[in-house]
PDB file of N, CA and C in Angstrom:
ATOM      1  N   MET A   1     -49.874  26.916  11.081  1.00  0.00           N
ATOM      2  CA  MET A   1     -50.317  26.437  10.616  1.00  0.00           C
ATOM      3  C   MET A   1     -49.428  24.873  10.570  1.00  0.00           C
ATOM      4  N   SER A   2     -50.411  23.573  10.478  1.00  0.00           N
ATOM      5  CA  SER A   2     -49.788  22.381  10.621  1.00  0.00           C
ATOM      6  C   SER A   2     -49.074  21.884   9.585  1.00  0.00           C
ATOM      7  N   ARG A   3     -48.419  20.863   9.135  1.00  0.00           N
ATOM      8  CA  ARG A   3     -47.782  20.924   7.477  1.00  0.00           C
ATOM      9  C   ARG A   3     -48.855  19.675   7.456  1.00  0.00           C
ATOM     10  N   HIS A   4     -49.211  20.005   5.676  1.00  0.00           N
ATOM     11  CA  HIS A   4     -49.894  18.926   5.427  1.00  0.00           C
ATOM     12  C   HIS A   4     -48.933  17.482   4.525  1.00  0.00           C
ATOM     13  N   VAL A   5     -49.666  16.571   5.409  1.00  0.00           N
ATOM     14  CA  VAL A   5     -49.021  15.228   4.318  1.00  0.00           C
ATOM     15  C   VAL A   5     -50.295  14.452   3.300  1.00  0.00           C
ATOM     16  N   LEU A   6     -49.582  14.567   2.014  1.00  0.00           N
ATOM     17  CA  LEU A   6     -51.199  13.452   1.603  1.00  0.00           C
ATOM     18  C   LEU A   6     -50.843  11.913   1.158  1.00  0.00           C
ATOM     19  N   ILE A   7     -51.743  11.177   1.638  1.00  0.00           N
ATOM     20  CA  ILE A   7     -51.165   9.789   1.315  1.00  0.00           C
ATOM     21  C   ILE A   7     -51.883   9.323   0.350  1.00  0.00           C
ATOM     22  N   VAL A   8     -51.305   8.592  -0.617  1.00  0.00           N
ATOM     23  CA  VAL A   8     -52.122   7.735  -1.791  1.00  0.00           C
ATOM     24  C   VAL A   8     -51.607   6.273  -1.540  1.00  0.00           C
ATOM     25  N   GLU A   9     -52.534   6.000  -0.755  1.00  0.00           N
ATOM     26  CA  GLU A   9     -52.677   4.271  -0.757  1.00  0.00           C
ATOM     27  C   GLU A   9     -53.863   3.407  -1.197  1.00  0.00           C
ATOM     28  N   ASP A  10     -54.685   2.447  -1.517  1.00  0.00           N
ATOM     29  CA  ASP A  10     -55.124   2.307  -1.810  1.00  0.00           C
ATOM     30  C   ASP A  10     -55.918   1.189  -0.727  1.00  0.00           C
ATOM     31  N   GLU A  11     -55.279   1.021   0.581  1.00  0.00           N
ATOM     32  CA  GLU A  11     -55.597   0.126   1.298  1.00  0.00           C
ATOM     33  C   GLU A  11     -56.086   0.991   2.472  1.00  0.00           C
ATOM     34  N   GLU A  12     -57.463   1.156   2.584  1.00  0.00           N
ATOM     35  CA  GLU A  12     -57.615   2.205   3.624  1.00  0.00           C
ATOM     36  C   GLU A  12     -57.326   2.056   4.800  1.00  0.00           C
ATOM     37  N   ASN A  13     -56.885   0.357   5.287  1.00  0.00           N
ATOM     38  CA  ASN A  13     -56.911   0.193   6.853  1.00  0.00           C
ATOM     39  C   ASN A  13     -55.237   0.911   7.007  1.00  0.00           C
ATOM     40  N   ILE A  14     -54.651   0.813   5.894  1.00  0.00           N
ATOM     41  CA  ILE A  14     -53.169   1.665   5.850  1.00  0.00           C
ATOM     42  C   ILE A  14     -53.238   3.266   6.151  1.00  0.00           C
ATOM     43  N   VAL A  15     -54.274   3.860   5.394  1.00  0.00           N
ATOM     44  CA  VAL A  15     -54.302   5.415   5.300  1.00  0.00           C
ATOM     45  C   VAL A  15     -54.949   5.472   6.734  1.00  0.00           C
ATOM     46  N   GLU A  16     -55.878   4.945   7.008  1.00  0.00           N
ATOM     47  CA  GLU A  16     -56.332   5.358   8.884  1.00  0.00           C
ATOM     48  C   GLU A  16     -55.317   5.118   9.547  1.00  0.00           C
ATOM     49  N   SER A  17     -54.470   4.176   9.397  1.00  0.00           N
ATOM     50  CA  SER A  17     -53.787   4.002  10.517  1.00  0.00           C
ATOM     51  C   SER A  17     -52.590   5.048  10.931  1.00  0.00           C
ATOM     52  N   LEU A  18     -52.112   5.273   8.890  1.00  0.00           N
ATOM     53  CA  LEU A  18     -51.035   6.526   8.914  1.00  0.00           C
ATOM     54  C   LEU A  18     -51.760   7.771   9.103  1.00  0.00           C
ATOM     55  N   SER A  19     -53.094   8.211   9.110  1.00  0.00           N
ATOM     56  CA  SER A  19     -53.633   9.394   9.139  1.00  0.00           C
ATOM     57  C   SER A  19     -53.587   9.657  10.906  1.00  0.00           C
ATOM     58  N   PHE A  20     -53.779   8.350  11.774  1.00  0.00           N
ATOM     59  CA  PHE A  20     -54.006   8.668  12.693  1.00  0.00           C
ATOM     60  C   PHE A  20     -52.723   8.917  13.988  1.00  0.00           C
ATOM     61  N   LEU A  21     -51.744   8.012  13.348  1.00  0.00           N
ATOM     62  CA  LEU A  21     -50.021   8.027  13.553  1.00  0.00           C
ATOM     63  C   LEU A  21     -49.731   9.681  13.515  1.00  0.00           C
ATOM     64  N   LEU A  22     -50.310  10.582  12.334  1.00  0.00           N
ATOM     65  CA  LEU A  22     -49.265  11.687  11.409  1.00  0.00           C
ATOM     66  C   LEU A  22     -50.558  13.014  12.288  1.00  0.00           C
ATOM     67  N   GLU A  23     -51.808  12.597  12.675  1.00  0.00           N
ATOM     68  CA  GLU A  23     -52.830  13.510  12.737  1.00  0.00           C
ATOM     69  C   GLU A  23     -52.226  13.580  14.870  1.00  0.00           C
ATOM     70  N   ARG A  24     -51.607  12.186  15.130  1.00  0.00           N
ATOM     71  CA  ARG A  24     -51.072  12.268  16.940  1.00  0.00           C
ATOM     72  C   ARG A  24     -49.915  13.768  16.978  1.00  0.00           C
ATOM     73  N   GLU A  25     -49.538  13.033  15.723  1.00  0.00           N
ATOM     74  CA  GLU A  25     -47.768  14.381  15.757  1.00  0.00           C
ATOM     75  C   GLU A  25     -48.298  16.007  15.692  1.00  0.00           C
ATOM     76  N   GLY A  26     -49.956  16.108  15.193  1.00  0.00           N
ATOM     77  CA  GLY A  26     -50.079  17.773  14.508  1.00  0.00           C
ATOM     78  C   GLY A  26     -50.210  17.763  13.187  1.00  0.00           C
ATOM     79  N   TYR A  27     -49.790  16.557  12.222  1.00  0.00           N
ATOM     80  CA  TYR A  27     -50.038  16.857  10.848  1.00  0.00           C
ATOM     81  C   TYR A  27     -51.284  17.005  10.491  1.00  0.00           C
ATOM     82  N   ARG A  28     -51.676  17.736   9.305  1.00  0.00           N
ATOM     83  CA  ARG A  28     -52.747  17.519   8.503  1.00  0.00           C
ATOM     84  C   ARG A  28     -52.938  16.308   7.646  1.00  0.00           C
ATOM     85  N   VAL A  29     -53.385  15.489   7.493  1.00  0.00           N
ATOM     86  CA  VAL A  29     -54.031  14.708   6.098  1.00  0.00           C
ATOM     87  C   VAL A  29     -55.033  14.363   6.179  1.00  0.00           C
ATOM     88  N   THR A  30     -54.688  14.408   4.477  1.00  0.00           N
ATOM     89  CA  THR A  30     -55.464  13.836   3.886  1.00  0.00           C
ATOM     90  C   THR A  30     -55.123  12.660   2.671  1.00  0.00           C
ATOM     91  N   SER A  31     -56.242  12.120   1.667  1.00  0.00           N
ATOM     92  CA  SER A  31     -55.683  10.882   1.317  1.00  0.00           C
ATOM     93  C   SER A  31     -56.478  10.570  -0.396  1.00  0.00           C
ATOM     94  N   VAL A  32     -55.801  10.110  -0.975  1.00  0.00           N
ATOM     95  CA  VAL A  32     -56.136   9.413  -2.164  1.00  0.00           C
ATOM     96  C   VAL A  32     -56.420   8.266  -2.387  1.00  0.00           C
ATOM     97  N   LEU A  33     -57.225   7.529  -3.140  1.00  0.00           N
ATOM     98  CA  LEU A  33     -56.797   5.923  -3.088  1.00  0.00           C
ATOM     99  C   LEU A  33     -56.492   5.219  -4.286  1.00  0.00           C
ATOM    100  N   ASP A  34     -56.680   6.314  -5.371  1.00  0.00           N
ATOM    101  CA  ASP A  34     -56.169   6.020  -6.472  1.00  0.00           C
ATOM    102  C   ASP A  34     -55.318   6.856  -7.502  1.00  0.00           C
ATOM    103  N   GLY A  35     -54.427   5.742  -7.625  1.00  0.00           N
ATOM    104  CA  GLY A  35     -53.350   6.554  -8.765  1.00  0.00           C
ATOM    105  C   GLY A  35     -53.409   7.557  -9.682  1.00  0.00           C
ATOM    106  N   ALA A  36     -54.369   7.874 -10.406  1.00  0.00           N
ATOM    107  CA  ALA A  36     -54.787   8.652 -11.438  1.00  0.00           C
ATOM    108  C   ALA A  36     -55.347   9.504 -11.280  1.00  0.00           C
ATOM    109  N   GLN A  37     -55.649   9.651  -9.666  1.00  0.00           N
ATOM    110  CA  GLN A  37     -55.994  10.999  -8.832  1.00  0.00           C
ATOM    111  C   GLN A  37     -54.851  12.181  -8.199  1.00  0.00           C
ATOM    112  N   ALA A  38     -54.128  10.829  -8.037  1.00  0.00           N
ATOM    113  CA  ALA A  38     -52.965  11.834  -7.522  1.00  0.00           C
ATOM    114  C   ALA A  38     -52.152  12.587  -7.877  1.00  0.00           C
ATOM    115  N   VAL A  39     -52.080  12.801  -9.388  1.00  0.00           N
ATOM    116  CA  VAL A  39     -51.333  14.360  -9.380  1.00  0.00           C
ATOM    117  C   VAL A  39     -51.923  15.430  -9.409  1.00  0.00           C
ATOM    118  N   PRO A  40     -53.670  15.494 -10.208  1.00  0.00           N
ATOM    119  CA  PRO A  40     -54.108  16.201  -9.802  1.00  0.00           C
ATOM    120  C   PRO A  40     -54.082  16.945  -8.292  1.00  0.00           C
ATOM    121  N   CYS A  41     -54.046  16.284  -7.912  1.00  0.00           N
ATOM    122  CA  CYS A  41     -54.578  16.507  -5.703  1.00  0.00           C
ATOM    123  C   CYS A  41     -53.058  16.694  -5.338  1.00  0.00           C
ATOM    124  N   ILE A  42     -52.135  16.445  -6.046  1.00  0.00           N
ATOM    125  CA  ILE A  42     -50.952  17.227  -5.252  1.00  0.00           C
ATOM    126  C   ILE A  42     -50.886  18.530  -6.459  1.00  0.00           C
ATOM    127  N   GLU A  43     -51.264  18.841  -6.995  1.00  0.00           N
ATOM    128  CA  GLU A  43     -50.612  20.279  -7.748  1.00  0.00           C
ATOM    129  C   GLU A  43     -51.911  21.527  -7.304  1.00  0.00           C
ATOM    130  N   SER A  44     -53.110  20.391  -6.693  1.00  0.00           N
ATOM    131  CA  SER A  44     -54.538  21.405  -6.096  1.00  0.00           C
ATOM    132  C   SER A  44     -54.295  21.532  -4.531  1.00  0.00           C
ATOM    133  N   SER A  45     -53.501  20.760  -4.361  1.00  0.00           N
ATOM    134  CA  SER A  45     -53.765  21.420  -2.899  1.00  0.00           C
ATOM    135  C   SER A  45     -51.829  21.151  -2.016  1.00  0.00           C
ATOM    136  N   ARG A  46     -51.294  20.923  -3.334  1.00  0.00           N
ATOM    137  CA  ARG A  46     -49.564  21.581  -2.277  1.00  0.00           C
ATOM    138  C   ARG A  46     -49.587  20.923  -1.427  1.00  0.00           C
ATOM    139  N   PRO A  47     -49.399  19.233  -0.763  1.00  0.00           N
ATOM    140  CA  PRO A  47     -49.204  19.426   0.307  1.00  0.00           C
ATOM    141  C   PRO A  47     -47.623  19.363   0.613  1.00  0.00           C
ATOM    142  N   ASP A  48     -47.265  19.529   1.921  1.00  0.00           N
ATOM    143  CA  ASP A  48     -45.332  19.484   2.305  1.00  0.00           C
ATOM    144  C   ASP A  48     -44.669  17.922   2.184  1.00  0.00           C
ATOM    145  N   LEU A  49     -45.629  17.221   1.981  1.00  0.00           N
ATOM    146  CA  LEU A  49     -44.555  15.897   1.581  1.00  0.00           C
ATOM    147  C   LEU A  49     -46.148  14.836   0.926  1.00  0.00           C
ATOM    148  N   LEU A  50     -45.406  13.804   0.359  1.00  0.00           N
ATOM    149  CA  LEU A  50     -46.305  12.734   0.045  1.00  0.00           C
ATOM    150  C   LEU A  50     -45.879  11.320   0.256  1.00  0.00           C
ATOM    151  N   ILE A  51     -46.709  10.608   1.234  1.00  0.00           N
ATOM    152  CA  ILE A  51     -46.542   8.962   0.902  1.00  0.00           C
ATOM    153  C   ILE A  51     -47.151   8.469   0.461  1.00  0.00           C
ATOM    154  N   LEU A  52     -46.403   7.662  -0.685  1.00  0.00           N
ATOM    155  CA  LEU A  52     -46.826   7.330  -2.400  1.00  0.00           C
ATOM    156  C   LEU A  52     -46.224   5.553  -2.246  1.00  0.00           C
ATOM    157  N   ASP A  53     -47.588   4.963  -2.055  1.00  0.00           N
ATOM    158  CA  ASP A  53     -47.714   3.366  -2.136  1.00  0.00           C
ATOM    159  C   ASP A  53     -47.195   2.973  -3.616  1.00  0.00           C
ATOM    160  N   VAL A  54     -46.560   2.021  -3.794  1.00  0.00           N
ATOM    161  CA  VAL A  54     -46.149   1.754  -5.178  1.00  0.00           C
ATOM    162  C   VAL A  54     -47.262   0.902  -6.234  1.00  0.00           C
ATOM    163  N   MET A  55     -47.993   0.379  -5.414  1.00  0.00           N
ATOM    164  CA  MET A  55     -48.728  -0.563  -6.298  1.00  0.00           C
ATOM    165  C   MET A  55     -50.404   0.093  -5.906  1.00  0.00           C
ATOM    166  N   LEU A  56     -50.503   0.825  -7.180  1.00  0.00           N
ATOM    167  CA  LEU A  56     -51.712   1.329  -6.775  1.00  0.00           C
ATOM    168  C   LEU A  56     -52.775   1.336  -8.026  1.00  0.00           C
ATOM    169  N   PRO A  57     -54.072   1.274  -8.120  1.00  0.00           N
ATOM    170  CA  PRO A  57     -54.798   1.176  -9.036  1.00  0.00           C
ATOM    171  C   PRO A  57     -54.672   2.727 -10.049  1.00  0.00           C
ATOM    172  N   GLY A  58     -54.989   2.067 -11.191  1.00  0.00           N
ATOM    173  CA  GLY A  58     -54.966   3.759 -12.374  1.00  0.00           C
ATOM    174  C   GLY A  58     -53.862   3.967 -12.629  1.00  0.00           C
ATOM    175  N   LEU A  59     -52.482   4.856 -11.923  1.00  0.00           N
ATOM    176  CA  LEU A  59     -51.083   4.721 -11.920  1.00  0.00           C
ATOM    177  C   LEU A  59     -50.330   4.083 -11.162  1.00  0.00           C
ATOM    178  N   ASP A  60     -49.126   3.309 -11.577  1.00  0.00           N
ATOM    179  CA  ASP A  60     -48.286   2.747 -10.260  1.00  0.00           C
ATOM    180  C   ASP A  60     -47.767   4.512  -9.505  1.00  0.00           C
ATOM    181  N   GLY A  61     -47.017   3.870  -8.207  1.00  0.00           N
ATOM    182  CA  GLY A  61     -46.255   4.832  -7.759  1.00  0.00           C
ATOM    183  C   GLY A  61     -45.132   5.208  -8.368  1.00  0.00           C
ATOM    184  N   PHE A  62     -44.437   4.691  -9.157  1.00  0.00           N
ATOM    185  CA  PHE A  62     -43.484   5.000 -10.621  1.00  0.00           C
ATOM    186  C   PHE A  62     -43.549   6.072 -10.883  1.00  0.00           C
ATOM    187  N   GLU A  63     -44.975   5.966 -11.421  1.00  0.00           N
ATOM    188  CA  GLU A  63     -45.673   6.641 -12.988  1.00  0.00           C
ATOM    189  C   GLU A  63     -45.978   8.033 -12.227  1.00  0.00           C
ATOM    190  N   ILE A  64     -46.073   7.963 -10.547  1.00  0.00           N
ATOM    191  CA  ILE A  64     -46.738   9.220 -10.260  1.00  0.00           C
ATOM    192  C   ILE A  64     -45.612  10.122  -9.876  1.00  0.00           C
ATOM    193  N   LEU A  65     -44.324   9.043  -8.935  1.00  0.00           N
ATOM    194  CA  LEU A  65     -43.100   9.950  -9.232  1.00  0.00           C
ATOM    195  C   LEU A  65     -42.601  10.515 -10.418  1.00  0.00           C
ATOM    196  N   ARG A  66     -41.936  10.039 -11.448  1.00  0.00           N
ATOM    197  CA  ARG A  66     -42.097  10.383 -12.631  1.00  0.00           C
ATOM    198  C   ARG A  66     -42.748  11.345 -12.998  1.00  0.00           C
ATOM    199  N   ALA A  67     -43.909  11.558 -12.617  1.00  0.00           N
ATOM    200  CA  ALA A  67     -44.960  12.866 -12.980  1.00  0.00           C
ATOM    201  C   ALA A  67     -44.350  13.916 -11.935  1.00  0.00           C
ATOM    202  N   ILE A  68     -44.101  13.865 -10.919  1.00  0.00           N
ATOM    203  CA  ILE A  68     -44.020  14.856 -10.022  1.00  0.00           C
ATOM    204  C   ILE A  68     -42.586  15.472 -10.120  1.00  0.00           C
ATOM    205  N   ARG A  69     -41.658  14.439 -10.144  1.00  0.00           N
ATOM    206  CA  ARG A  69     -40.057  15.059 -10.822  1.00  0.00           C
ATOM    207  C   ARG A  69     -40.007  15.326 -12.207  1.00  0.00           C
ATOM    208  N   SER A  70     -40.965  15.421 -13.003  1.00  0.00           N
ATOM    209  CA  SER A  70     -40.932  16.071 -14.185  1.00  0.00           C
ATOM    210  C   SER A  70     -41.734  17.576 -14.544  1.00  0.00           C
ATOM    211  N   ASN A  71     -42.521  18.010 -13.204  1.00  0.00           N
ATOM    212  CA  ASN A  71     -43.070  18.971 -12.734  1.00  0.00           C
ATOM    213  C   ASN A  71     -42.593  20.122 -12.342  1.00  0.00           C
ATOM    214  N   ALA A  72     -42.354  21.380 -13.268  1.00  0.00           N
ATOM    215  CA  ALA A  72     -41.231  22.263 -12.113  1.00  0.00           C
ATOM    216  C   ALA A  72     -41.995  22.782 -10.731  1.00  0.00           C
ATOM    217  N   ALA A  73     -43.410  22.797 -11.149  1.00  0.00           N
ATOM    218  CA  ALA A  73     -44.353  23.477  -9.601  1.00  0.00           C
ATOM    219  C   ALA A  73     -44.678  22.722  -8.363  1.00  0.00           C
ATOM    220  N   ILE A  74     -43.796  21.552  -8.978  1.00  0.00           N
ATOM    221  CA  ILE A  74     -43.988  19.960  -7.780  1.00  0.00           C
ATOM    222  C   ILE A  74     -42.912  19.316  -7.434  1.00  0.00           C
ATOM    223  N   LYS A  75     -41.810  19.597  -8.594  1.00  0.00           N
ATOM    224  CA  LYS A  75     -40.491  18.833  -8.183  1.00  0.00           C
ATOM    225  C   LYS A  75     -39.830  18.578  -7.643  1.00  0.00           C
ATOM    226  N   ASP A  76     -39.699  19.494  -6.227  1.00  0.00           N
ATOM    227  CA  ASP A  76     -39.073  19.214  -4.816  1.00  0.00           C
ATOM    228  C   ASP A  76     -39.615  18.850  -3.696  1.00  0.00           C
ATOM    229  N   LEU A  77     -41.410  18.407  -3.888  1.00  0.00           N
ATOM    230  CA  LEU A  77     -41.904  17.814  -2.907  1.00  0.00           C
ATOM    231  C   LEU A  77     -41.333  16.572  -2.644  1.00  0.00           C
ATOM    232  N   PRO A  78     -41.045  16.243  -1.453  1.00  0.00           N
ATOM    233  CA  PRO A  78     -40.387  15.637  -0.726  1.00  0.00           C
ATOM    234  C   PRO A  78     -41.569  14.271  -0.935  1.00  0.00           C
ATOM    235  N   VAL A  79     -40.960  12.793  -1.512  1.00  0.00           N
ATOM    236  CA  VAL A  79     -41.751  11.295  -1.451  1.00  0.00           C
ATOM    237  C   VAL A  79     -41.017  10.271  -0.906  1.00  0.00           C
ATOM    238  N   VAL A  80     -42.501   9.922   0.346  1.00  0.00           N
ATOM    239  CA  VAL A  80     -41.634   8.372   1.023  1.00  0.00           C
ATOM    240  C   VAL A  80     -42.642   7.572   0.210  1.00  0.00           C
ATOM    241  N   MET A  81     -41.658   6.627  -0.416  1.00  0.00           N
ATOM    242  CA  MET A  81     -42.071   5.282  -1.426  1.00  0.00           C
ATOM    243  C   MET A  81     -42.814   4.482   0.153  1.00  0.00           C
ATOM    244  N   LEU A  82     -44.074   3.765  -0.165  1.00  0.00           N
ATOM    245  CA  LEU A  82     -44.535   3.002   0.572  1.00  0.00           C
ATOM    246  C   LEU A  82     -44.412   1.736   0.314  1.00  0.00           C
ATOM    247  N   THR A  83     -44.573   0.540   0.878  1.00  0.00           N
ATOM    248  CA  THR A  83     -44.801  -0.892  -0.463  1.00  0.00           C
ATOM    249  C   THR A  83     -44.847  -1.886   0.077  1.00  0.00           C
ATOM    250  N   ALA A  84     -45.253  -2.729   0.015  1.00  0.00           N
ATOM    251  CA  ALA A  84     -45.310  -4.251   0.419  1.00  0.00           C
ATOM    252  C   ALA A  84     -43.762  -4.976   0.213  1.00  0.00           C
ATOM    253  N   LYS A  85     -43.620  -4.629  -1.610  1.00  0.00           N
ATOM    254  CA  LYS A  85     -42.561  -5.607  -1.967  1.00  0.00           C
ATOM    255  C   LYS A  85     -41.821  -4.575  -2.679  1.00  0.00           C
ATOM    256  N   MET A  86     -41.011  -4.325  -1.718  1.00  0.00           N
ATOM    257  CA  MET A  86     -39.786  -3.462  -2.270  1.00  0.00           C
ATOM    258  C   MET A  86     -38.447  -4.407  -2.277  1.00  0.00           C
ATOM    259  N   GLN A  87     -38.491  -4.848  -3.617  1.00  0.00           N
ATOM    260  CA  GLN A  87     -37.533  -4.993  -4.132  1.00  0.00           C
ATOM    261  C   GLN A  87     -36.363  -4.400  -4.025  1.00  0.00           C
ATOM    262  N   GLN A  88     -34.970  -5.000  -4.354  1.00  0.00           N
ATOM    263  CA  GLN A  88     -34.143  -4.257  -4.825  1.00  0.00           C
ATOM    264  C   GLN A  88     -33.980  -3.887  -5.985  1.00  0.00           C
ATOM    265  N   GLN A  89     -34.694  -3.773  -6.779  1.00  0.00           N
ATOM    266  CA  GLN A  89     -34.936  -3.226  -8.638  1.00  0.00           C
ATOM    267  C   GLN A  89     -36.101  -2.036  -8.523  1.00  0.00           C
ATOM    268  N   ASP A  90     -37.068  -2.537  -7.013  1.00  0.00           N
ATOM    269  CA  ASP A  90     -38.241  -1.571  -7.268  1.00  0.00           C
ATOM    270  C   ASP A  90     -37.426   0.041  -6.095  1.00  0.00           C
ATOM    271  N   ARG A  91     -36.354  -0.401  -5.912  1.00  0.00           N
ATOM    272  CA  ARG A  91     -35.872   0.860  -4.883  1.00  0.00           C
ATOM    273  C   ARG A  91     -35.092   1.645  -5.844  1.00  0.00           C
ATOM    274  N   ARG A  92     -33.965   0.792  -6.546  1.00  0.00           N
ATOM    275  CA  ARG A  92     -33.436   1.266  -7.547  1.00  0.00           C
ATOM    276  C   ARG A  92     -34.085   2.300  -8.266  1.00  0.00           C
ATOM    277  N   THR A  93     -35.023   1.702  -8.809  1.00  0.00           N
ATOM    278  CA  THR A  93     -36.346   2.727  -9.186  1.00  0.00           C
ATOM    279  C   THR A  93     -36.296   3.341  -8.723  1.00  0.00           C
ATOM    280  N   ALA A  94     -36.772   3.145  -7.932  1.00  0.00           N
ATOM    281  CA  ALA A  94     -37.290   4.865  -7.077  1.00  0.00           C
ATOM    282  C   ALA A  94     -36.341   6.192  -6.781  1.00  0.00           C
ATOM    283  N   GLU A  95     -35.220   5.249  -6.471  1.00  0.00           N
ATOM    284  CA  GLU A  95     -34.106   6.202  -6.140  1.00  0.00           C
ATOM    285  C   GLU A  95     -33.910   6.926  -7.448  1.00  0.00           C
ATOM    286  N   ASP A  96     -33.298   6.097  -8.539  1.00  0.00           N
ATOM    287  CA  ASP A  96     -33.390   6.754  -9.757  1.00  0.00           C
ATOM    288  C   ASP A  96     -34.470   8.166 -10.226  1.00  0.00           C
ATOM    289  N   ILE A  97     -35.516   7.579  -9.655  1.00  0.00           N
ATOM    290  CA  ILE A  97     -36.457   8.528 -10.372  1.00  0.00           C
ATOM    291  C   ILE A  97     -36.198   9.952  -8.960  1.00  0.00           C
ATOM    292  N   GLY A  98     -35.861   9.511  -7.746  1.00  0.00           N
ATOM    293  CA  GLY A  98     -35.879  10.835  -6.915  1.00  0.00           C
ATOM    294  C   GLY A  98     -36.575  10.727  -5.651  1.00  0.00           C
ATOM    295  N   ALA A  99     -37.180   9.441  -4.926  1.00  0.00           N
ATOM    296  CA  ALA A  99     -37.546   9.166  -4.059  1.00  0.00           C
ATOM    297  C   ALA A  99     -37.056   9.504  -2.777  1.00  0.00           C
ATOM    298  N   ASN A 100     -37.391  10.120  -2.010  1.00  0.00           N
ATOM    299  CA  ASN A 100     -36.721  10.912  -0.317  1.00  0.00           C
ATOM    300  C   ASN A 100     -36.293   9.892   0.425  1.00  0.00           C
ATOM    301  N   ALA A 101     -36.924   8.430   0.246  1.00  0.00           N
ATOM    302  CA  ALA A 101     -37.254   8.076   1.645  1.00  0.00           C
ATOM    303  C   ALA A 101     -38.286   6.729   1.641  1.00  0.00           C
ATOM    304  N   PHE A 102     -38.162   5.517   1.999  1.00  0.00           N
ATOM    305  CA  PHE A 102     -38.733   4.152   2.133  1.00  0.00           C
ATOM    306  C   PHE A 102     -38.888   3.867   3.438  1.00  0.00           C
ATOM    307  N   VAL A 103     -40.794   3.462   3.337  1.00  0.00           N
ATOM    308  CA  VAL A 103     -40.731   2.937   4.020  1.00  0.00           C
ATOM    309  C   VAL A 103     -41.431   1.194   3.719  1.00  0.00           C
ATOM    310  N   THR A 104     -40.848  -0.038   4.276  1.00  0.00           N
ATOM    311  CA  THR A 104     -41.502  -1.224   3.613  1.00  0.00           C
ATOM    312  C   THR A 104     -42.643  -1.552   4.684  1.00  0.00           C
ATOM    313  N   LYS A 105     -44.212  -2.445   4.290  1.00  0.00           N
ATOM    314  CA  LYS A 105     -44.994  -2.328   4.858  1.00  0.00           C
ATOM    315  C   LYS A 105     -44.482  -4.108   5.330  1.00  0.00           C
ATOM    316  N   PRO A 106     -44.843  -4.211   6.449  1.00  0.00           N
ATOM    317  CA  PRO A 106     -45.821  -3.817   7.841  1.00  0.00           C
ATOM    318  C   PRO A 106     -44.693  -2.953   8.011  1.00  0.00           C
ATOM    319  N   PHE A 107     -45.266  -1.513   8.328  1.00  0.00           N
ATOM    320  CA  PHE A 107     -43.897  -0.591   9.230  1.00  0.00           C
ATOM    321  C   PHE A 107     -44.079  -0.041  10.806  1.00  0.00           C
ATOM    322  N   SER A 108     -43.479   0.214  10.668  1.00  0.00           N
ATOM    323  CA  SER A 108     -42.920   0.787  12.562  1.00  0.00           C
ATOM    324  C   SER A 108     -43.471   2.294  12.481  1.00  0.00           C
ATOM    325  N   ASN A 109     -44.200   2.133  13.532  1.00  0.00           N
ATOM    326  CA  ASN A 109     -44.919   3.720  13.509  1.00  0.00           C
ATOM    327  C   ASN A 109     -43.961   4.422  13.689  1.00  0.00           C
ATOM    328  N   ALA A 110     -43.274   3.976  15.005  1.00  0.00           N
ATOM    329  CA  ALA A 110     -42.058   5.174  15.124  1.00  0.00           C
ATOM    330  C   ALA A 110     -41.230   5.804  13.851  1.00  0.00           C
ATOM    331  N   GLU A 111     -41.019   4.890  13.273  1.00  0.00           N
ATOM    332  CA  GLU A 111     -40.108   4.829  11.633  1.00  0.00           C
ATOM    333  C   GLU A 111     -41.155   5.942  11.037  1.00  0.00           C
ATOM    334  N   VAL A 112     -41.797   5.867  10.369  1.00  0.00           N
ATOM    335  CA  VAL A 112     -42.924   6.334   9.833  1.00  0.00           C
ATOM    336  C   VAL A 112     -42.896   7.811  10.078  1.00  0.00           C
ATOM    337  N   VAL A 113     -42.952   7.978  11.414  1.00  0.00           N
ATOM    338  CA  VAL A 113     -42.942   9.408  12.416  1.00  0.00           C
ATOM    339  C   VAL A 113     -41.610  10.371  12.317  1.00  0.00           C
ATOM    340  N   SER A 114     -40.653   9.014  12.470  1.00  0.00           N
ATOM    341  CA  SER A 114     -39.224   9.793  12.519  1.00  0.00           C
ATOM    342  C   SER A 114     -39.106  10.192  10.999  1.00  0.00           C
ATOM    343  N   ILE A 115     -39.288   9.373   9.753  1.00  0.00           N
ATOM    344  CA  ILE A 115     -39.039   9.550   8.486  1.00  0.00           C
ATOM    345  C   ILE A 115     -39.696  11.318   8.155  1.00  0.00           C
ATOM    346  N   VAL A 116     -41.297  11.326   8.265  1.00  0.00           N
ATOM    347  CA  VAL A 116     -41.850  11.891   8.177  1.00  0.00           C
ATOM    348  C   VAL A 116     -41.472  13.614   8.801  1.00  0.00           C
ATOM    349  N   LYS A 117     -41.334  13.238   9.967  1.00  0.00           N
ATOM    350  CA  LYS A 117     -40.610  14.738  10.534  1.00  0.00           C
ATOM    351  C   LYS A 117     -39.565  14.995  10.175  1.00  0.00           C
ATOM    352  N   ARG A 118     -38.281  14.250   9.243  1.00  0.00           N
ATOM    353  CA  ARG A 118     -37.110  14.408   9.017  1.00  0.00           C
ATOM    354  C   ARG A 118     -37.385  15.086   7.874  1.00  0.00           C
ATOM    355  N   LEU A 119     -38.385  14.837   6.997  1.00  0.00           N
ATOM    356  CA  LEU A 119     -38.660  15.669   5.808  1.00  0.00           C
ATOM    357  C   LEU A 119     -39.659  16.611   5.510  1.00  0.00           C
ATOM    358  N   SER A 120     -40.200  16.758   6.643  1.00  0.00           N
ATOM    359  CA  SER A 120     -40.898  18.185   6.685  1.00  0.00           C
ATOM    360  C   SER A 120     -40.845  18.162   7.831  1.00  0.00           C
ATOM    361  N   PRO A 121     -40.331  19.517   8.344  1.00  0.00           N
ATOM    362  CA  PRO A 121     -39.707  19.622   9.816  1.00  0.00           C
ATOM    363  C   PRO A 121     -41.111  20.826  10.417  1.00  0.00           C
TER     364      PRO A 121
END
């Protein structure tokens, strides 16, 4: 059975790019374009890994990450934060909340695949 990656990202071209990359590596990929839909989708679909944008409509990535880490059923989900503006303060905030890895847009395809493979063998 293939590993399931959920992408929470509001830019459809990035979702398409990441989906193509990961599906080519054998992952099953689904996506959500709105932050408010993220936690209910995670709870119902139980992905093996989450790629989470910081800037989203509805809830931002930090709020979603806090909700994940405070929910016993999904608190151990590996989360890769994805953002165009990963300033030092944003990175510290995400680390404090419990992000497992970071990818800055524009991203390297090889870097994304490597991180996903490392976090969801």
